[in-house]
Protein backbone atom coordinates (compact mmCIF):
# COMPACT_ATOMS: atom_id res chain seq x y z
CA UNK A 1 -14.85 10.04 5.43
CA UNK A 2 -17.64 7.68 6.40
CA UNK A 3 -20.51 9.11 8.45
CA UNK A 4 -20.27 6.43 11.14
CA UNK A 5 -16.60 7.34 11.69
CA UNK A 6 -17.51 10.95 12.39
CA UNK A 7 -20.64 10.03 14.36
CA UNK A 8 -18.82 7.69 16.75
CA UNK A 9 -15.84 9.95 17.35
CA UNK A 10 -15.25 12.44 20.17
CA UNK A 11 -14.72 16.02 19.04
CA UNK A 12 -10.95 15.90 19.43
CA UNK A 13 -10.73 12.86 17.14
CA UNK A 14 -13.31 14.20 14.71
CA UNK A 15 -11.30 17.37 14.23
CA UNK A 16 -8.08 15.40 13.71
CA UNK A 17 -9.68 13.14 11.09
CA UNK A 18 -11.15 16.10 9.24
CA UNK A 19 -7.79 17.89 9.33
CA UNK A 20 -5.99 14.80 8.05
CA UNK A 21 -8.30 14.35 5.08
CA UNK A 22 -8.90 17.98 4.11
CA UNK A 23 -5.57 19.68 4.92
CA UNK A 24 -3.03 16.84 4.88
CA UNK A 25 -4.89 15.22 1.95
CA UNK A 26 -4.74 11.73 3.44
CA UNK A 27 -6.71 9.03 1.65
CA UNK A 28 -10.03 7.81 3.03
CA UNK A 29 -8.37 4.49 3.86
CA UNK A 30 -5.63 6.21 5.89
CA UNK A 31 -8.22 8.28 7.76
CA UNK A 32 -10.22 5.16 8.62
CA UNK A 33 -7.03 3.49 9.88
CA UNK A 34 -6.37 6.55 12.06
CA UNK A 35 -9.88 6.20 13.45
CA UNK A 36 -9.54 2.51 14.30
CA UNK A 37 -6.04 2.89 15.78
CA UNK A 38 -6.99 5.82 18.00
CA UNK A 39 -10.34 4.32 19.00
CA UNK A 40 -8.44 1.27 20.23
CA UNK A 41 -6.05 3.51 22.17
CA UNK A 42 -8.92 5.47 23.74
CA UNK A 43 -10.66 2.28 24.88
CA UNK A 44 -7.41 0.99 26.33
CA UNK A 45 -6.93 4.24 28.27
CA UNK A 46 -10.43 3.98 29.72
CA UNK A 47 -9.77 0.42 30.88
CA UNK A 48 -6.38 1.36 32.28
CA UNK A 49 -7.85 4.27 34.24
CA UNK A 50 -10.89 2.26 35.39
CA UNK A 51 -13.26 4.62 33.58
CA UNK A 52 -15.47 1.81 32.31
CA UNK A 53 -17.25 -1.23 33.71
CA UNK A 54 -15.13 -4.35 33.31
CA UNK A 55 -18.18 -6.25 32.01
CA UNK A 56 -18.41 -4.08 28.91
CA UNK A 57 -16.99 -5.69 25.78
CA UNK A 58 -13.92 -3.90 24.44
CA UNK A 59 -15.48 -2.81 21.16
CA UNK A 60 -18.58 -1.56 22.99
CA UNK A 61 -16.64 0.84 25.19
CA UNK A 62 -17.85 4.35 24.30
CA UNK A 63 -15.17 6.89 23.42
CA UNK A 64 -17.32 9.99 22.96
CA UNK A 65 -16.22 11.32 26.35
CA UNK A 66 -12.51 11.35 25.52
CA UNK A 67 -11.29 14.94 25.63
CA UNK A 68 -8.06 16.89 25.95
CA UNK A 69 -8.20 16.69 29.75
CA UNK A 70 -7.85 12.90 29.55
CA UNK A 71 -5.23 13.11 26.80
CA UNK A 72 -3.13 15.50 28.90
CA UNK A 73 -2.61 12.66 31.38
CA UNK A 74 -1.16 10.28 28.79
CA UNK A 75 2.50 9.39 29.27
CA UNK A 76 5.08 7.63 27.13
CA UNK A 77 4.78 4.67 29.50
CA UNK A 78 1.03 4.51 28.75
CA UNK A 79 1.79 4.30 25.03
CA UNK A 80 4.37 1.56 25.58
CA UNK A 81 1.80 -0.34 27.64
CA UNK A 82 -0.73 0.10 24.85
CA UNK A 83 1.59 -1.43 22.25
CA UNK A 84 2.28 -4.36 24.60
CA UNK A 85 -1.47 -4.78 25.03
CA UNK A 86 -1.93 -4.81 21.25
CA UNK A 87 0.73 -7.50 20.95
CA UNK A 88 -0.37 -9.78 23.77
CA UNK A 89 -4.13 -9.25 23.98
CA UNK A 90 -5.08 -8.33 20.41
CA UNK A 91 -2.43 -10.46 18.66
CA UNK A 92 -1.32 -7.53 16.51
CA UNK A 93 1.71 -8.30 14.39
CA UNK A 94 4.76 -6.08 14.20
CA UNK A 95 3.56 -4.22 11.10
CA UNK A 96 0.19 -3.44 12.69
CA UNK A 97 1.81 -2.18 15.88
CA UNK A 98 4.23 -0.09 13.84
CA UNK A 99 1.30 1.52 12.07
CA UNK A 100 -0.42 2.21 15.39
CA UNK A 101 2.75 3.82 16.74
CA UNK A 102 2.92 6.03 13.65
CA UNK A 103 -0.74 7.04 14.05
CA UNK A 104 -0.18 7.91 17.70
CA UNK A 105 2.85 10.07 16.90
CA UNK A 106 0.94 11.96 14.21
CA UNK A 107 -2.08 12.47 16.49
CA UNK A 108 -0.20 13.79 19.51
CA UNK A 109 2.02 15.99 17.33
CA UNK A 110 -1.21 17.48 15.94
CA UNK A 111 -2.51 18.16 19.45
CA UNK A 112 0.78 19.55 20.78
CA UNK A 113 2.40 21.35 17.85
CA UNK A 114 -0.56 22.26 15.65
CA UNK A 115 -3.32 23.00 18.15
CA UNK A 116 -1.19 23.69 21.20
CA UNK A 117 -3.75 22.07 23.53
CA UNK A 118 -1.17 19.75 25.15
CA UNK A 119 1.73 21.20 27.19
CA UNK A 120 4.00 18.37 26.00
CA UNK A 121 3.98 15.57 23.47
CA UNK A 122 4.02 12.14 25.17
CA UNK A 123 4.59 10.42 21.81
CA UNK A 124 7.64 12.46 20.81
CA UNK A 125 10.01 9.65 21.83
CA UNK A 126 7.71 6.76 20.90
CA UNK A 127 9.71 4.37 18.74
CA UNK A 128 8.35 2.19 15.96
CA UNK A 129 8.59 -1.57 16.57
CA UNK A 130 11.27 -3.03 14.32
CA UNK A 131 9.81 -4.66 11.24
CA UNK A 132 11.65 -7.53 9.64
CA UNK A 133 12.13 -6.50 6.03
CA UNK A 134 11.31 -9.37 3.74
CA UNK A 135 12.32 -9.38 0.12
CA UNK A 136 9.43 -8.50 -2.20
CA UNK A 137 7.92 -11.49 -3.97
CA UNK A 138 7.99 -11.07 -7.74
CA UNK A 139 7.72 -12.92 -11.03
CA UNK A 140 10.82 -13.70 -13.05
CA UNK A 141 11.15 -12.46 -16.61
CA UNK A 142 10.13 -15.86 -17.99
CA UNK A 143 7.14 -16.07 -15.64
CA UNK A 144 6.06 -12.57 -16.68
CA UNK A 145 6.14 -13.60 -20.34
CA UNK A 146 4.20 -16.75 -19.46
CA UNK A 147 1.55 -14.67 -17.69
CA UNK A 148 1.13 -12.36 -20.70
CA UNK A 149 0.94 -15.37 -23.01
CA UNK A 150 -1.97 -16.78 -20.99
CA UNK A 151 -4.33 -13.94 -21.93
CA UNK A 152 -7.27 -14.98 -24.07
CA UNK A 153 -11.03 -14.63 -24.28
CA UNK A 154 -13.54 -11.92 -25.25
CA UNK A 155 -11.66 -9.20 -23.32
CA UNK A 156 -8.17 -10.27 -24.30
CA UNK A 157 -7.10 -6.84 -25.64
CA UNK A 158 -8.20 -5.10 -22.45
CA UNK A 159 -6.79 -7.71 -20.11
CA UNK A 160 -3.47 -7.87 -21.99
CA UNK A 161 -3.19 -4.09 -21.74
CA UNK A 162 -3.86 -4.21 -17.99
CA UNK A 163 -1.17 -6.85 -17.36
CA UNK A 164 1.26 -5.00 -19.62
CA UNK A 165 0.73 -1.76 -17.72
CA UNK A 166 1.27 -3.51 -14.37
CA UNK A 167 4.42 -5.32 -15.49
CA UNK A 168 6.01 -2.38 -17.30
CA UNK A 169 5.00 0.68 -15.27
CA UNK A 170 4.81 -0.69 -11.72
CA UNK A 171 1.58 1.14 -10.97
CA UNK A 172 -0.67 0.44 -8.01
CA UNK A 173 -4.05 -1.26 -8.45
CA UNK A 174 -6.00 1.90 -7.58
CA UNK A 175 -3.83 3.92 -9.97
CA UNK A 176 -4.54 1.57 -12.88
CA UNK A 177 -8.29 1.52 -12.24
CA UNK A 178 -8.32 5.31 -11.96
CA UNK A 179 -6.73 5.97 -15.38
CA UNK A 180 -8.84 8.22 -17.62
CA UNK A 181 -8.58 8.62 -21.36
CA UNK A 182 -7.60 12.24 -20.77
CA UNK A 183 -4.66 11.14 -18.64
CA UNK A 184 -2.86 9.77 -21.71
CA UNK A 185 -0.87 12.22 -23.82
CA UNK A 186 0.02 11.61 -27.49
CA UNK A 187 3.73 11.55 -26.56
CA UNK A 188 3.17 8.49 -24.34
CA UNK A 189 3.15 10.36 -21.03
CA UNK A 190 0.61 8.90 -18.60
CA UNK A 191 -0.68 10.80 -15.58
CA UNK A 192 -1.30 8.68 -12.49
CA UNK A 193 -3.08 9.69 -9.30
CA UNK A 194 -1.30 7.99 -6.41
CA UNK A 195 -1.54 7.91 -2.65
CA UNK A 196 -2.67 11.13 -1.02
CA UNK A 197 -3.92 12.37 -4.40
CA UNK A 198 -0.33 12.94 -5.51
CA UNK A 199 0.08 13.08 -9.25
CA UNK A 200 3.04 11.70 -11.16
CA UNK A 201 3.92 11.05 -14.77
CA UNK A 202 5.14 7.75 -16.18
CA UNK A 203 5.99 7.12 -19.81
CA UNK A 204 4.51 4.25 -21.76
CA UNK A 205 7.09 2.11 -23.53
CA UNK A 206 6.51 0.40 -26.88
CA UNK A 207 4.89 -2.67 -25.32
CA UNK A 208 2.43 -0.47 -23.43
CA UNK A 209 1.66 1.72 -26.45
CA UNK A 210 1.06 -1.30 -28.68
CA UNK A 211 -1.18 -2.94 -26.06
CA UNK A 212 -3.06 0.31 -25.50
CA UNK A 213 -3.66 0.89 -29.21
CA UNK A 214 -4.93 -2.67 -29.65
CA UNK A 215 -7.35 -2.20 -26.74
CA UNK A 216 -8.59 1.23 -27.87
CA UNK A 217 -9.67 -0.28 -31.18
CA UNK A 218 -12.18 -2.52 -29.35
CA UNK A 219 -12.90 -0.43 -26.24
CA UNK A 220 -16.68 0.06 -25.83
CA UNK A 221 -17.93 3.49 -26.78
CA UNK A 222 -21.74 3.25 -26.86
CA UNK A 223 -24.07 3.16 -23.84
CA UNK A 224 -21.41 4.15 -21.31
CA UNK A 225 -22.87 6.40 -18.57
CA UNK A 226 -21.40 9.94 -18.60
CA UNK A 227 -19.76 9.39 -15.22
CA UNK A 228 -17.78 6.46 -16.65
CA UNK A 229 -17.21 7.69 -20.20
CA UNK A 230 -13.68 8.96 -19.48
CA UNK A 231 -12.50 5.73 -17.84
CA UNK A 232 -9.83 3.86 -19.79
CA UNK A 233 -10.70 0.34 -18.69
CA UNK A 234 -14.37 -0.51 -19.11
CA UNK A 235 -16.22 -3.56 -17.77
CA UNK A 236 -18.78 -5.66 -19.64
CA UNK A 237 -21.44 -3.62 -17.83
CA UNK A 238 -20.07 -0.45 -19.46
CA UNK A 239 -18.66 0.86 -16.18
CA UNK A 240 -15.15 1.71 -14.98
CA UNK A 241 -13.38 -1.48 -13.94
CA UNK A 242 -13.32 -1.84 -10.15
CA UNK A 243 -10.33 -2.84 -8.06
CA UNK A 244 -12.06 -6.10 -7.19
CA UNK A 245 -12.66 -7.00 -10.84
CA UNK A 246 -9.04 -6.34 -11.80
CA UNK A 247 -7.82 -8.42 -8.87
CA UNK A 248 -10.07 -11.26 -10.02
CA UNK A 249 -8.89 -11.17 -13.62
CA UNK A 250 -5.23 -11.06 -12.55
CA UNK A 251 -5.78 -14.08 -10.28
CA UNK A 252 -7.54 -15.87 -13.14
CA UNK A 253 -4.60 -15.41 -15.48
CA UNK A 254 -2.09 -16.33 -12.78
CA UNK A 255 -3.92 -19.61 -12.34
CA UNK A 256 -4.13 -20.16 -16.09
CA UNK A 257 -0.37 -19.58 -16.38
CA UNK A 258 0.32 -22.08 -13.61
CA UNK A 259 1.50 -19.34 -11.25
CA UNK A 260 -1.25 -19.45 -8.62
CA UNK A 261 -0.74 -20.56 -5.03
CA UNK A 262 2.58 -18.74 -4.72
CA UNK A 263 1.38 -15.49 -3.20
CA UNK A 264 1.32 -13.49 -6.42
CA UNK A 265 -1.17 -10.63 -6.75
CA UNK A 266 -1.68 -7.29 -8.48
CA UNK A 267 0.73 -5.73 -6.00
CA UNK A 268 3.32 -8.40 -6.74
CA UNK A 269 3.12 -7.39 -10.40
CA UNK A 270 4.17 -3.92 -9.23
CA UNK A 271 7.11 -5.53 -7.42
CA UNK A 272 7.91 -7.46 -10.58
CA UNK A 273 8.09 -4.30 -12.69
CA UNK A 274 10.35 -2.60 -10.16
CA UNK A 275 12.63 -5.61 -9.77
CA UNK A 276 13.02 -6.15 -13.51
CA UNK A 277 13.71 -2.45 -14.09
CA UNK A 278 16.35 -2.38 -11.37
CA UNK A 279 18.05 -5.72 -12.01
CA UNK A 280 17.66 -6.25 -15.74
CA UNK A 281 17.29 -2.67 -16.92
CA UNK A 282 19.86 -1.06 -14.65
CA UNK A 283 17.48 1.75 -13.67
CA UNK A 284 18.93 4.12 -11.07
CA UNK A 285 17.26 3.66 -7.69
CA UNK A 286 16.35 7.37 -7.53
CA UNK A 287 14.63 7.19 -10.90
CA UNK A 288 12.83 4.03 -9.78
CA UNK A 289 11.58 5.93 -6.72
CA UNK A 290 9.89 8.50 -8.94
CA UNK A 291 8.43 5.86 -11.26
CA UNK A 292 6.86 4.00 -8.33
CA UNK A 293 5.67 7.17 -6.61
CA UNK A 294 7.42 6.46 -3.32
CA UNK A 295 7.57 9.31 -0.83
CA UNK A 296 11.13 8.51 0.22
CA UNK A 297 14.09 6.57 -1.10
CA UNK A 298 14.12 4.19 1.85
CA UNK A 299 10.95 2.51 0.59
CA UNK A 300 12.46 1.94 -2.86
CA UNK A 301 15.73 0.53 -1.52
CA UNK A 302 14.05 -2.80 -0.79
CA UNK A 303 14.73 -3.61 -4.44
CA UNK A 304 18.47 -3.19 -3.93
CA UNK A 305 18.27 -5.96 -1.32
CA UNK A 306 16.91 -8.31 -3.99
CA UNK A 307 20.11 -7.88 -5.97
CA UNK A 308 22.21 -8.28 -2.81
CA UNK A 309 20.43 -11.56 -2.03
CA UNK A 310 21.08 -12.84 -5.54
CA UNK A 311 24.78 -12.03 -5.16
CA UNK A 312 24.82 -13.93 -1.87
CA UNK A 313 23.06 -16.93 -3.43
CA UNK A 314 25.45 -16.90 -6.40
CA UNK A 315 28.50 -17.04 -4.13
CA UNK A 316 26.94 -19.78 -2.00
CA UNK A 317 26.24 -21.83 -5.13
CA UNK A 318 29.95 -22.06 -5.92
CA UNK A 319 30.91 -25.77 -5.69
CA UNK A 320 33.86 -24.76 -3.47
CA UNK A 321 31.50 -23.19 -0.91
CA UNK A 322 31.42 -26.35 1.22
CA UNK A 323 35.16 -27.09 1.05
CA UNK A 324 36.76 -26.22 4.36
CA UNK A 325 40.45 -25.72 5.18
CA UNK A 326 40.37 -28.86 7.30
CA UNK A 327 39.18 -31.01 4.38
CA UNK A 328 41.91 -29.75 2.07
CA UNK A 329 44.77 -30.56 4.47
CA UNK A 330 43.59 -34.02 5.53
């Protein structure tokens, strides 16, 4: 957790953030999101209760004085008003407001159920704004092959291995960059460290094993600092490849393959792997859940909607689709 996050937080928030990261094993990014969401709520409460001068800019409103006495006064109606404020005054989209609602529920549950400092939980009945579920953008099989075929240059073995891992295993960007040599077993099992430091095992198929072996033959060995020596993917500076560098090289090859400008990214390669496994490979949705490292099946079921949409499009493409009863009897 960043020092400024702790320094600028009231004790009640500081304790919650520390608990979230140390006990609940939330990622640093999740903890920072908790901080920003709750800081915004605290500033809203101070404005709503006239506890701050109206001339003070929103982001300059101090929150160090927020304590359990103030939080005991919070009602469900206050939380609804806060979400409306986020929508109308801060132009927060549905997904952002849904995240804020989730943060608020977790925070007040912590205060009420875990610490017992609140007599009741005002967020117990707080609902999440409905999010329109869009189908995940992904590359087709032919586009995936085209992307792999675009790889060239001095780091072609490494870059080809990276793209192959993304397209075959459906791993996250941070998971790929975090792979160590010691995470790879001789039997092809690969250990990944996912969200919340949760480990899972995926198995490298023939394409991945072949790409990996080709890369290991040319992977730098000399002059790598000890702290980076175990990293699988090494940069030209003899360091572990960063997320930013991998994003850049993926975007470079997307452009080279004529696939840029369509919203594709490293995360869309993860969607591609999942979609191809489900649609073309017939992988059971529950198995796909474990491969992707999803916490619940509901997250994985978005890929079943892709198939449903294709069925709908196929039926609508029937040349008889536009022939009505009226036309046939005239």
